[in-house]
PDB file of N, CA and C in Angstrom:
ATOM      1  N   MET A   1       0.823  -1.196   0.000  1.00  0.00           N
ATOM      2  CA  MET A   1       0.000   0.000   0.000  1.00  0.00           C
ATOM      3  C   MET A   1       0.860   1.250   0.000  1.00  0.00           C
ATOM      4  N   ALA A   2       1.956   1.219   0.792  1.00  0.00           N
ATOM      5  CA  ALA A   2       2.839   2.375   0.838  1.00  0.00           C
ATOM      6  C   ALA A   2       3.531   2.581  -0.503  1.00  0.00           C
ATOM      7  N   GLU A   3       3.821   1.469  -1.208  1.00  0.00           N
ATOM      8  CA  GLU A   3       4.471   1.586  -2.505  1.00  0.00           C
ATOM      9  C   GLU A   3       3.548   2.233  -3.526  1.00  0.00           C
ATOM     10  N   GLU A   4       2.252   1.943  -3.432  1.00  0.00           N
ATOM     11  CA  GLU A   4       1.298   2.513  -4.374  1.00  0.00           C
ATOM     12  C   GLU A   4       1.209   4.024  -4.210  1.00  0.00           C
ATOM     13  N   THR A   5       1.201   4.500  -2.959  1.00  0.00           N
ATOM     14  CA  THR A   5       1.094   5.945  -2.751  1.00  0.00           C
ATOM     15  C   THR A   5       2.357   6.654  -3.212  1.00  0.00           C
ATOM     16  N   ARG A   6       3.504   6.017  -3.021  1.00  0.00           N
ATOM     17  CA  ARG A   6       4.754   6.626  -3.462  1.00  0.00           C
ATOM     18  C   ARG A   6       4.803   6.727  -4.989  1.00  0.00           C
ATOM     19  N   THR A   7       4.396   5.661  -5.666  1.00  0.00           N
ATOM     20  CA  THR A   7       4.468   5.672  -7.119  1.00  0.00           C
ATOM     21  C   THR A   7       3.467   6.651  -7.710  1.00  0.00           C
ATOM     22  N   SER A   8       2.307   6.812  -7.091  1.00  0.00           N
ATOM     23  CA  SER A   8       1.324   7.730  -7.650  1.00  0.00           C
ATOM     24  C   SER A   8       1.781   9.181  -7.494  1.00  0.00           C
ATOM     25  N   ARG A   9       2.427   9.490  -6.403  1.00  0.00           N
ATOM     26  CA  ARG A   9       2.934  10.854  -6.214  1.00  0.00           C
ATOM     27  C   ARG A   9       4.159  11.110  -7.085  1.00  0.00           C
ATOM     28  N   ALA A  10       5.010  10.074  -7.221  1.00  0.00           N
ATOM     29  CA  ALA A  10       6.213  10.227  -8.026  1.00  0.00           C
ATOM     30  C   ALA A  10       5.859  10.347  -9.499  1.00  0.00           C
ATOM     31  N   GLY A  11       4.682   9.872  -9.892  1.00  0.00           N
ATOM     32  CA  GLY A  11       4.259   9.910 -11.278  1.00  0.00           C
ATOM     33  C   GLY A  11       3.885  11.294 -11.766  1.00  0.00           C
ATOM     34  N   GLY A  12       3.937  12.292 -10.888  1.00  0.00           N
ATOM     35  CA  GLY A  12       3.649  13.643 -11.329  1.00  0.00           C
ATOM     36  C   GLY A  12       2.246  14.100 -10.983  1.00  0.00           C
ATOM     37  N   GLU A  13       1.452  13.218 -10.371  1.00  0.00           N
ATOM     38  CA  GLU A  13       0.114  13.644  -9.994  1.00  0.00           C
ATOM     39  C   GLU A  13       0.187  14.566  -8.796  1.00  0.00           C
ATOM     40  N   ARG A  14      -0.702  15.517  -8.758  1.00  0.00           N
ATOM     41  CA  ARG A  14      -0.724  16.465  -7.650  1.00  0.00           C
ATOM     42  C   ARG A  14      -1.974  16.249  -6.828  1.00  0.00           C
ATOM     43  N   SER A  15      -1.818  16.487  -5.549  1.00  0.00           N
ATOM     44  CA  SER A  15      -3.002  16.388  -4.703  1.00  0.00           C
ATOM     45  C   SER A  15      -3.876  17.611  -4.937  1.00  0.00           C
ATOM     46  N   GLY A  16      -5.096  17.598  -4.465  1.00  0.00           N
ATOM     47  CA  GLY A  16      -6.050  18.660  -4.728  1.00  0.00           C
ATOM     48  C   GLY A  16      -5.651  20.011  -4.172  1.00  0.00           C
ATOM     49  N   GLY A  17      -4.849  20.075  -3.093  1.00  0.00           N
ATOM     50  CA  GLY A  17      -4.512  21.338  -2.469  1.00  0.00           C
ATOM     51  C   GLY A  17      -3.345  22.067  -3.110  1.00  0.00           C
ATOM     52  N   ASP A  18      -2.584  21.391  -3.998  1.00  0.00           N
ATOM     53  CA  ASP A  18      -1.423  22.031  -4.616  1.00  0.00           C
ATOM     54  C   ASP A  18      -1.862  22.995  -5.707  1.00  0.00           C
ATOM     55  N   ARG A  19      -1.094  24.071  -5.855  1.00  0.00           N
ATOM     56  CA  ARG A  19      -1.385  25.054  -6.892  1.00  0.00           C
ATOM     57  C   ARG A  19      -0.349  24.954  -7.990  1.00  0.00           C
ATOM     58  N   ASP A  20      -0.730  25.403  -9.154  1.00  0.00           N
ATOM     59  CA  ASP A  20       0.207  25.468 -10.262  1.00  0.00           C
ATOM     60  C   ASP A  20       0.987  26.774 -10.136  1.00  0.00           C
ATOM     61  N   ARG A  21       2.260  26.688  -9.766  1.00  0.00           N
ATOM     62  CA  ARG A  21       3.042  27.890  -9.498  1.00  0.00           C
ATOM     63  C   ARG A  21       4.052  28.197 -10.596  1.00  0.00           C
ATOM     64  N   GLY A  22       4.301  27.269 -11.483  1.00  0.00           N
ATOM     65  CA  GLY A  22       5.388  27.473 -12.413  1.00  0.00           C
ATOM     66  C   GLY A  22       4.955  27.926 -13.801  1.00  0.00           C
ATOM     67  N   GLY A  23       3.679  27.975 -14.095  1.00  0.00           N
ATOM     68  CA  GLY A  23       3.213  28.253 -15.443  1.00  0.00           C
ATOM     69  C   GLY A  23       3.234  29.730 -15.785  1.00  0.00           C
ATOM     70  N   PRO A  24       3.103  30.035 -17.075  1.00  0.00           N
ATOM     71  CA  PRO A  24       3.060  31.440 -17.492  1.00  0.00           C
ATOM     72  C   PRO A  24       1.762  32.093 -17.046  1.00  0.00           C
ATOM     73  N   ARG A  25       1.858  33.381 -16.791  1.00  0.00           N
ATOM     74  CA  ARG A  25       0.671  34.126 -16.364  1.00  0.00           C
ATOM     75  C   ARG A  25       0.137  34.945 -17.525  1.00  0.00           C
ATOM     76  N   GLY A  26      -1.089  35.349 -17.390  1.00  0.00           N
ATOM     77  CA  GLY A  26      -1.688  36.205 -18.398  1.00  0.00           C
ATOM     78  C   GLY A  26      -1.223  37.643 -18.218  1.00  0.00           C
ATOM     79  N   PRO A  27      -1.618  38.535 -19.101  1.00  0.00           N
ATOM     80  CA  PRO A  27      -1.214  39.933 -18.976  1.00  0.00           C
ATOM     81  C   PRO A  27      -1.848  40.581 -17.752  1.00  0.00           C
ATOM     82  N   ARG A  28      -1.117  41.513 -17.151  1.00  0.00           N
ATOM     83  CA  ARG A  28      -1.638  42.220 -15.981  1.00  0.00           C
ATOM     84  C   ARG A  28      -2.559  43.340 -16.423  1.00  0.00           C
ATOM     85  N   PRO A  29      -3.541  43.657 -15.604  1.00  0.00           N
ATOM     86  CA  PRO A  29      -4.429  44.763 -15.966  1.00  0.00           C
ATOM     87  C   PRO A  29      -3.693  46.103 -15.883  1.00  0.00           C
ATOM     88  N   ALA A  30      -4.030  47.006 -16.762  1.00  0.00           N
ATOM     89  CA  ALA A  30      -3.385  48.327 -16.790  1.00  0.00           C
ATOM     90  C   ALA A  30      -3.865  49.171 -15.620  1.00  0.00           C
ATOM     91  N   GLY A  31      -3.064  50.147 -15.256  1.00  0.00           N
ATOM     92  CA  GLY A  31      -3.456  51.060 -14.189  1.00  0.00           C
ATOM     93  C   GLY A  31      -3.047  50.609 -12.816  1.00  0.00           C
ATOM     94  N   GLY A  32      -2.230  49.563 -12.725  1.00  0.00           N
ATOM     95  CA  GLY A  32      -1.769  49.094 -11.432  1.00  0.00           C
ATOM     96  C   GLY A  32      -0.706  50.019 -10.861  1.00  0.00           C
ATOM     97  N   SER A  33      -0.122  49.611  -9.728  1.00  0.00           N
ATOM     98  CA  SER A  33       0.864  50.460  -9.075  1.00  0.00           C
ATOM     99  C   SER A  33       2.138  50.601  -9.896  1.00  0.00           C
ATOM    100  N   GLY A  34       2.475  49.600 -10.708  1.00  0.00           N
ATOM    101  CA  GLY A  34       3.716  49.673 -11.455  1.00  0.00           C
ATOM    102  C   GLY A  34       3.512  49.938 -12.934  1.00  0.00           C
ATOM    103  N   GLY A  35       2.275  50.116 -13.362  1.00  0.00           N
ATOM    104  CA  GLY A  35       1.978  50.275 -14.769  1.00  0.00           C
ATOM    105  C   GLY A  35       2.275  51.667 -15.291  1.00  0.00           C
ATOM    106  N   PRO A  36       2.198  51.831 -16.602  1.00  0.00           N
ATOM    107  CA  PRO A  36       2.443  53.151 -17.193  1.00  0.00           C
ATOM    108  C   PRO A  36       1.336  54.120 -16.811  1.00  0.00           C
ATOM    109  N   ARG A  37       1.724  55.370 -16.672  1.00  0.00           N
ATOM    110  CA  ARG A  37       0.745  56.386 -16.275  1.00  0.00           C
ATOM    111  C   ARG A  37       0.376  57.228 -17.482  1.00  0.00           C
ATOM    112  N   GLU A  38      -0.862  57.550 -17.541  1.00  0.00           N
ATOM    113  CA  GLU A  38      -1.315  58.412 -18.625  1.00  0.00           C
ATOM    114  C   GLU A  38      -1.396  59.826 -18.087  1.00  0.00           C
ATOM    115  N   GLY A  39      -0.810  60.755 -18.790  1.00  0.00           N
ATOM    116  CA  GLY A  39      -0.935  62.141 -18.368  1.00  0.00           C
ATOM    117  C   GLY A  39       0.217  62.603 -17.498  1.00  0.00           C
ATOM    118  N   GLY A  40       0.116  62.424 -16.187  1.00  0.00           N
ATOM    119  CA  GLY A  40       1.052  63.007 -15.235  1.00  0.00           C
ATOM    120  C   GLY A  40       2.487  62.517 -15.368  1.00  0.00           C
ATOM    121  N   ARG A  41       3.369  63.200 -14.643  1.00  0.00           N
ATOM    122  CA  ARG A  41       4.780  62.824 -14.671  1.00  0.00           C
ATOM    123  C   ARG A  41       5.005  61.544 -13.877  1.00  0.00           C
ATOM    124  N   LYS A  42       6.101  60.889 -14.164  1.00  0.00           N
ATOM    125  CA  LYS A  42       6.433  59.673 -13.442  1.00  0.00           C
ATOM    126  C   LYS A  42       6.940  60.026 -12.054  1.00  0.00           C
ATOM    127  N   PHE A  43       6.753  59.117 -11.135  1.00  0.00           N
ATOM    128  CA  PHE A  43       7.140  59.339  -9.738  1.00  0.00           C
ATOM    129  C   PHE A  43       8.654  59.306  -9.615  1.00  0.00           C
ATOM    130  N   PHE A  44       9.218  60.316  -8.950  1.00  0.00           N
ATOM    131  CA  PHE A  44      10.654  60.391  -8.751  1.00  0.00           C
ATOM    132  C   PHE A  44      10.949  60.297  -7.265  1.00  0.00           C
ATOM    133  N   ARG A  45      11.735  59.305  -6.879  1.00  0.00           N
ATOM    134  CA  ARG A  45      12.102  59.152  -5.482  1.00  0.00           C
ATOM    135  C   ARG A  45      13.545  59.601  -5.310  1.00  0.00           C
ATOM    136  N   ARG A  46      13.749  60.561  -4.431  1.00  0.00           N
ATOM    137  CA  ARG A  46      15.093  61.070  -4.179  1.00  0.00           C
ATOM    138  C   ARG A  46      15.913  60.035  -3.424  1.00  0.00           C
ATOM    139  N   LYS A  47      17.176  59.924  -3.784  1.00  0.00           N
ATOM    140  CA  LYS A  47      18.082  58.996  -3.103  1.00  0.00           C
ATOM    141  C   LYS A  47      18.276  59.464  -1.675  1.00  0.00           C
ATOM    142  N   LYS A  48      18.073  58.557  -0.728  1.00  0.00           N
ATOM    143  CA  LYS A  48      18.233  58.911   0.678  1.00  0.00           C
ATOM    144  C   LYS A  48      19.716  58.964   1.009  1.00  0.00           C
ATOM    145  N   VAL A  49      20.096  59.978   1.782  1.00  0.00           N
ATOM    146  CA  VAL A  49      21.492  60.118   2.172  1.00  0.00           C
ATOM    147  C   VAL A  49      21.602  59.956   3.682  1.00  0.00           C
ATOM    148  N   CYS A  50      22.756  59.516   4.123  1.00  0.00           N
ATOM    149  CA  CYS A  50      22.988  59.278   5.543  1.00  0.00           C
ATOM    150  C   CYS A  50      23.111  60.607   6.279  1.00  0.00           C
ATOM    151  N   LYS A  51      22.295  60.787   7.287  1.00  0.00           N
ATOM    152  CA  LYS A  51      22.313  62.025   8.069  1.00  0.00           C
ATOM    153  C   LYS A  51      23.649  62.204   8.779  1.00  0.00           C
ATOM    154  N   PHE A  52      24.229  61.115   9.228  1.00  0.00           N
ATOM    155  CA  PHE A  52      25.495  61.175   9.965  1.00  0.00           C
ATOM    156  C   PHE A  52      26.653  61.525   9.033  1.00  0.00           C
ATOM    157  N   CYS A  53      26.623  61.030   7.814  1.00  0.00           N
ATOM    158  CA  CYS A  53      27.677  61.354   6.855  1.00  0.00           C
ATOM    159  C   CYS A  53      27.572  62.806   6.400  1.00  0.00           C
ATOM    160  N   VAL A  54      26.353  63.287   6.168  1.00  0.00           N
ATOM    161  CA  VAL A  54      26.151  64.649   5.704  1.00  0.00           C
ATOM    162  C   VAL A  54      26.580  65.656   6.770  1.00  0.00           C
ATOM    163  N   GLU A  55      26.195  65.404   8.016  1.00  0.00           N
ATOM    164  CA  GLU A  55      26.532  66.320   9.106  1.00  0.00           C
ATOM    165  C   GLU A  55      27.887  66.019   9.729  1.00  0.00           C
ATOM    166  N   LYS A  56      28.597  65.048   9.149  1.00  0.00           N
ATOM    167  CA  LYS A  56      29.946  64.653   9.591  1.00  0.00           C
ATOM    168  C   LYS A  56      29.992  64.305  11.077  1.00  0.00           C
ATOM    169  N   ILE A  57      29.039  63.482  11.514  1.00  0.00           N
ATOM    170  CA  ILE A  57      29.004  62.994  12.884  1.00  0.00           C
ATOM    171  C   ILE A  57      29.736  61.649  12.895  1.00  0.00           C
ATOM    172  N   GLU A  58      30.894  61.594  13.516  1.00  0.00           N
ATOM    173  CA  GLU A  58      31.680  60.354  13.547  1.00  0.00           C
ATOM    174  C   GLU A  58      31.125  59.364  14.553  1.00  0.00           C
ATOM    175  N   ALA A  59      31.030  59.776  15.807  1.00  0.00           N
ATOM    176  CA  ALA A  59      30.592  58.882  16.876  1.00  0.00           C
ATOM    177  C   ALA A  59      29.127  59.146  17.198  1.00  0.00           C
ATOM    178  N   VAL A  60      28.345  58.085  17.256  1.00  0.00           N
ATOM    179  CA  VAL A  60      26.943  58.193  17.655  1.00  0.00           C
ATOM    180  C   VAL A  60      26.911  57.987  19.168  1.00  0.00           C
ATOM    181  N   ASN A  61      26.539  59.035  19.893  1.00  0.00           N
ATOM    182  CA  ASN A  61      26.584  58.999  21.351  1.00  0.00           C
ATOM    183  C   ASN A  61      25.260  58.490  21.912  1.00  0.00           C
ATOM    184  N   TYR A  62      25.326  57.563  22.844  1.00  0.00           N
ATOM    185  CA  TYR A  62      24.106  57.008  23.435  1.00  0.00           C
ATOM    186  C   TYR A  62      23.401  58.011  24.338  1.00  0.00           C
ATOM    187  N   LYS A  63      24.097  59.088  24.746  1.00  0.00           N
ATOM    188  CA  LYS A  63      23.481  60.093  25.625  1.00  0.00           C
ATOM    189  C   LYS A  63      22.662  61.124  24.846  1.00  0.00           C
ATOM    190  N   ASP A  64      22.838  61.172  23.542  1.00  0.00           N
ATOM    191  CA  ASP A  64      22.113  62.139  22.707  1.00  0.00           C
ATOM    192  C   ASP A  64      20.726  61.578  22.371  1.00  0.00           C
ATOM    193  N   VAL A  65      19.809  61.757  23.300  1.00  0.00           N
ATOM    194  CA  VAL A  65      18.492  61.125  23.202  1.00  0.00           C
ATOM    195  C   VAL A  65      17.664  61.726  22.071  1.00  0.00           C
ATOM    196  N   ARG A  66      17.791  63.016  21.838  1.00  0.00           N
ATOM    197  CA  ARG A  66      17.016  63.656  20.764  1.00  0.00           C
ATOM    198  C   ARG A  66      17.387  63.083  19.399  1.00  0.00           C
ATOM    199  N   LEU A  67      18.666  62.882  19.185  1.00  0.00           N
ATOM    200  CA  LEU A  67      19.116  62.314  17.921  1.00  0.00           C
ATOM    201  C   LEU A  67      18.643  60.865  17.779  1.00  0.00           C
ATOM    202  N   LEU A  68      18.791  60.087  18.829  1.00  0.00           N
ATOM    203  CA  LEU A  68      18.422  58.669  18.771  1.00  0.00           C
ATOM    204  C   LEU A  68      16.918  58.485  18.614  1.00  0.00           C
ATOM    205  N   ALA A  69      16.139  59.371  19.219  1.00  0.00           N
ATOM    206  CA  ALA A  69      14.678  59.246  19.161  1.00  0.00           C
ATOM    207  C   ALA A  69      14.146  59.422  17.742  1.00  0.00           C
ATOM    208  N   GLN A  70      14.904  60.076  16.878  1.00  0.00           N
ATOM    209  CA  GLN A  70      14.478  60.245  15.484  1.00  0.00           C
ATOM    210  C   GLN A  70      14.483  58.921  14.730  1.00  0.00           C
ATOM    211  N   PHE A  71      15.248  57.964  15.218  1.00  0.00           N
ATOM    212  CA  PHE A  71      15.401  56.690  14.528  1.00  0.00           C
ATOM    213  C   PHE A  71      14.652  55.555  15.217  1.00  0.00           C
ATOM    214  N   ILE A  72      13.683  55.913  16.049  1.00  0.00           N
ATOM    215  CA  ILE A  72      12.850  54.920  16.724  1.00  0.00           C
ATOM    216  C   ILE A  72      11.405  55.174  16.331  1.00  0.00           C
ATOM    217  N   ALA A  73      10.701  54.125  15.934  1.00  0.00           N
ATOM    218  CA  ALA A  73       9.292  54.239  15.553  1.00  0.00           C
ATOM    219  C   ALA A  73       8.421  54.408  16.800  1.00  0.00           C
ATOM    220  N   GLU A  74       7.172  54.752  16.597  1.00  0.00           N
ATOM    221  CA  GLU A  74       6.248  54.933  17.724  1.00  0.00           C
ATOM    222  C   GLU A  74       6.066  53.650  18.518  1.00  0.00           C
ATOM    223  N   SER A  75       6.184  52.531  17.852  1.00  0.00           N
ATOM    224  CA  SER A  75       6.028  51.247  18.535  1.00  0.00           C
ATOM    225  C   SER A  75       7.236  50.908  19.401  1.00  0.00           C
ATOM    226  N   GLY A  76       8.338  51.661  19.245  1.00  0.00           N
ATOM    227  CA  GLY A  76       9.535  51.420  20.028  1.00  0.00           C
ATOM    228  C   GLY A  76      10.610  50.664  19.275  1.00  0.00           C
ATOM    229  N   LYS A  77      10.338  50.302  18.027  1.00  0.00           N
ATOM    230  CA  LYS A  77      11.315  49.550  17.236  1.00  0.00           C
ATOM    231  C   LYS A  77      12.317  50.486  16.580  1.00  0.00           C
ATOM    232  N   ILE A  78      13.512  49.961  16.350  1.00  0.00           N
ATOM    233  CA  ILE A  78      14.535  50.722  15.637  1.00  0.00           C
ATOM    234  C   ILE A  78      14.147  50.740  14.160  1.00  0.00           C
ATOM    235  N   THR A  79      14.107  51.938  13.574  1.00  0.00           N
ATOM    236  CA  THR A  79      13.698  52.088  12.186  1.00  0.00           C
ATOM    237  C   THR A  79      14.782  51.528  11.259  1.00  0.00           C
ATOM    238  N   PRO A  80      14.420  50.726  10.259  1.00  0.00           N
ATOM    239  CA  PRO A  80      15.425  50.107   9.386  1.00  0.00           C
ATOM    240  C   PRO A  80      16.087  51.106   8.436  1.00  0.00           C
ATOM    241  N   ARG A  81      17.216  50.700   7.901  1.00  0.00           N
ATOM    242  CA  ARG A  81      18.010  51.528   6.994  1.00  0.00           C
ATOM    243  C   ARG A  81      17.241  51.956   5.767  1.00  0.00           C
ATOM    244  N   ARG A  82      16.448  51.054   5.210  1.00  0.00           N
ATOM    245  CA  ARG A  82      15.756  51.381   3.968  1.00  0.00           C
ATOM    246  C   ARG A  82      14.752  52.506   4.145  1.00  0.00           C
ATOM    247  N   LEU A  83      14.300  52.738   5.372  1.00  0.00           N
ATOM    248  CA  LEU A  83      13.374  53.842   5.621  1.00  0.00           C
ATOM    249  C   LEU A  83      14.093  55.127   5.996  1.00  0.00           C
ATOM    250  N   THR A  84      15.179  55.030   6.748  1.00  0.00           N
ATOM    251  CA  THR A  84      15.860  56.230   7.220  1.00  0.00           C
ATOM    252  C   THR A  84      16.930  56.718   6.254  1.00  0.00           C
ATOM    253  N   GLY A  85      17.551  55.817   5.498  1.00  0.00           N
ATOM    254  CA  GLY A  85      18.592  56.207   4.575  1.00  0.00           C
ATOM    255  C   GLY A  85      19.972  56.254   5.208  1.00  0.00           C
ATOM    256  N   VAL A  86      20.120  55.750   6.417  1.00  0.00           N
ATOM    257  CA  VAL A  86      21.410  55.757   7.102  1.00  0.00           C
ATOM    258  C   VAL A  86      22.293  54.669   6.491  1.00  0.00           C
ATOM    259  N   CYS A  87      23.594  54.962   6.347  1.00  0.00           N
ATOM    260  CA  CYS A  87      24.507  53.978   5.766  1.00  0.00           C
ATOM    261  C   CYS A  87      24.746  52.834   6.759  1.00  0.00           C
ATOM    262  N   THR A  88      25.296  51.751   6.266  1.00  0.00           N
ATOM    263  CA  THR A  88      25.453  50.540   7.073  1.00  0.00           C
ATOM    264  C   THR A  88      26.304  50.722   8.331  1.00  0.00           C
ATOM    265  N   PRO A  89      27.504  51.331   8.250  1.00  0.00           N
ATOM    266  CA  PRO A  89      28.293  51.480   9.483  1.00  0.00           C
ATOM    267  C   PRO A  89      27.610  52.357  10.523  1.00  0.00           C
ATOM    268  N   HIS A  90      26.956  53.428  10.053  1.00  0.00           N
ATOM    269  CA  HIS A  90      26.273  54.301  11.008  1.00  0.00           C
ATOM    270  C   HIS A  90      25.022  53.634  11.582  1.00  0.00           C
ATOM    271  N   GLN A  91      24.350  52.787  10.795  1.00  0.00           N
ATOM    272  CA  GLN A  91      23.188  52.069  11.318  1.00  0.00           C
ATOM    273  C   GLN A  91      23.607  51.117  12.426  1.00  0.00           C
ATOM    274  N   ARG A  92      24.759  50.475  12.274  1.00  0.00           N
ATOM    275  CA  ARG A  92      25.253  49.579  13.323  1.00  0.00           C
ATOM    276  C   ARG A  92      25.556  50.354  14.599  1.00  0.00           C
ATOM    277  N   ARG A  93      26.255  51.491  14.444  1.00  0.00           N
ATOM    278  CA  ARG A  93      26.567  52.320  15.615  1.00  0.00           C
ATOM    279  C   ARG A  93      25.306  52.876  16.246  1.00  0.00           C
ATOM    280  N   LEU A  94      24.351  53.246  15.406  1.00  0.00           N
ATOM    281  CA  LEU A  94      23.085  53.802  15.883  1.00  0.00           C
ATOM    282  C   LEU A  94      22.306  52.775  16.685  1.00  0.00           C
ATOM    283  N   SER A  95      22.202  51.557  16.179  1.00  0.00           N
ATOM    284  CA  SER A  95      21.447  50.530  16.900  1.00  0.00           C
ATOM    285  C   SER A  95      22.125  50.177  18.225  1.00  0.00           C
ATOM    286  N   ARG A  96      23.463  50.162  18.222  1.00  0.00           N
ATOM    287  CA  ARG A  96      24.197  49.898  19.464  1.00  0.00           C
ATOM    288  C   ARG A  96      23.952  51.014  20.480  1.00  0.00           C
ATOM    289  N   ALA A  97      23.951  52.274  20.021  1.00  0.00           N
ATOM    290  CA  ALA A  97      23.713  53.413  20.915  1.00  0.00           C
ATOM    291  C   ALA A  97      22.288  53.405  21.452  1.00  0.00           C
ATOM    292  N   ILE A  98      21.322  53.027  20.616  1.00  0.00           N
ATOM    293  CA  ILE A  98      19.923  52.957  21.060  1.00  0.00           C
ATOM    294  C   ILE A  98      19.770  51.881  22.133  1.00  0.00           C
ATOM    295  N   LYS A  99      20.416  50.754  21.931  1.00  0.00           N
ATOM    296  CA  LYS A  99      20.329  49.669  22.917  1.00  0.00           C
ATOM    297  C   LYS A  99      20.986  50.062  24.232  1.00  0.00           C
ATOM    298  N   GLN A 100      22.110  50.789  24.168  1.00  0.00           N
ATOM    299  CA  GLN A 100      22.753  51.269  25.393  1.00  0.00           C
ATOM    300  C   GLN A 100      21.853  52.260  26.121  1.00  0.00           C
ATOM    301  N   ALA A 101      21.242  53.170  25.365  1.00  0.00           N
ATOM    302  CA  ALA A 101      20.362  54.173  25.968  1.00  0.00           C
ATOM    303  C   ALA A 101      19.127  53.525  26.580  1.00  0.00           C
ATOM    304  N   ARG A 102      18.637  52.457  25.982  1.00  0.00           N
ATOM    305  CA  ARG A 102      17.501  51.738  26.567  1.00  0.00           C
ATOM    306  C   ARG A 102      17.900  51.074  27.881  1.00  0.00           C
ATOM    307  N   ASN A 103      19.095  50.500  27.913  1.00  0.00           N
ATOM    308  CA  ASN A 103      19.528  49.783  29.116  1.00  0.00           C
ATOM    309  C   ASN A 103      19.731  50.684  30.311  1.00  0.00           C
ATOM    310  N   ILE A 104      20.079  51.942  30.089  1.00  0.00           N
ATOM    311  CA  ILE A 104      20.233  52.844  31.237  1.00  0.00           C
ATOM    312  C   ILE A 104      19.036  53.790  31.362  1.00  0.00           C
ATOM    313  N   ALA A 105      17.925  53.417  30.732  1.00  0.00           N
ATOM    314  CA  ALA A 105      16.614  54.070  30.879  1.00  0.00           C
ATOM    315  C   ALA A 105      16.578  55.491  30.340  1.00  0.00           C
ATOM    316  N   LEU A 106      17.375  55.788  29.323  1.00  0.00           N
ATOM    317  CA  LEU A 106      17.242  57.073  28.641  1.00  0.00           C
ATOM    318  C   LEU A 106      16.164  57.001  27.558  1.00  0.00           C
ATOM    319  N   LEU A 107      15.983  55.812  27.003  1.00  0.00           N
ATOM    320  CA  LEU A 107      14.946  55.575  26.000  1.00  0.00           C
ATOM    321  C   LEU A 107      14.079  54.405  26.450  1.00  0.00           C
ATOM    322  N   PRO A 108      12.793  54.418  26.086  1.00  0.00           N
ATOM    323  CA  PRO A 108      11.932  53.289  26.467  1.00  0.00           C
ATOM    324  C   PRO A 108      12.162  52.076  25.566  1.00  0.00           C
ATOM    325  N   PHE A 109      11.923  50.891  26.106  1.00  0.00           N
ATOM    326  CA  PHE A 109      12.009  49.666  25.314  1.00  0.00           C
ATOM    327  C   PHE A 109      10.799  49.528  24.412  1.00  0.00           C
ATOM    328  N   ALA A 110       9.643  49.934  24.868  1.00  0.00           N
ATOM    329  CA  ALA A 110       8.412  49.803  24.101  1.00  0.00           C
ATOM    330  C   ALA A 110       7.786  51.158  23.895  1.00  0.00           C
ATOM    331  N   GLY A 111       6.906  51.227  22.879  1.00  0.00           N
ATOM    332  CA  GLY A 111       6.210  52.467  22.601  1.00  0.00           C
ATOM    333  C   GLY A 111       5.093  52.707  23.592  1.00  0.00           C
ATOM    334  N   ARG A 112       4.394  53.793  23.367  1.00  0.00           N
ATOM    335  CA  ARG A 112       3.279  54.141  24.254  1.00  0.00           C
ATOM    336  C   ARG A 112       2.102  53.234  24.027  1.00  0.00           C
ATOM    337  N   VAL A 113       1.412  52.880  25.114  1.00  0.00           N
ATOM    338  CA  VAL A 113       0.218  52.051  25.034  1.00  0.00           C
ATOM    339  C   VAL A 113      -0.981  52.978  24.978  1.00  0.00           C
ATOM    340  N   GLN A 114      -1.856  52.766  23.988  1.00  0.00           N
ATOM    341  CA  GLN A 114      -3.012  53.648  23.860  1.00  0.00           C
ATOM    342  C   GLN A 114      -4.295  52.898  24.056  1.00  0.00           C
TER     343      GLN A 114
END
């Protein structure tokens, strides 16, 4: 009995819950988020630059709560690089400084409860 189930599955048959994921798709409807726009100009997104590099801030200080608070979301999470535009080395220093400031109670671990 076990051999029969193995051979039927190995034969390429699919169970009822599987979807066809590899086939070609039909054309997408026009007017979607990535489609061509009629009339108006195309959306231009400015390249985000690192605030620390622009202002030439070498060391990110854990005592500078105003600066660190700009990079924390309302929920209390550290805002990711893709949203803030901070470069990789400064993001590492920033996250380390935020964690230090949280540990000595300069910044909250969690956001406000409403």
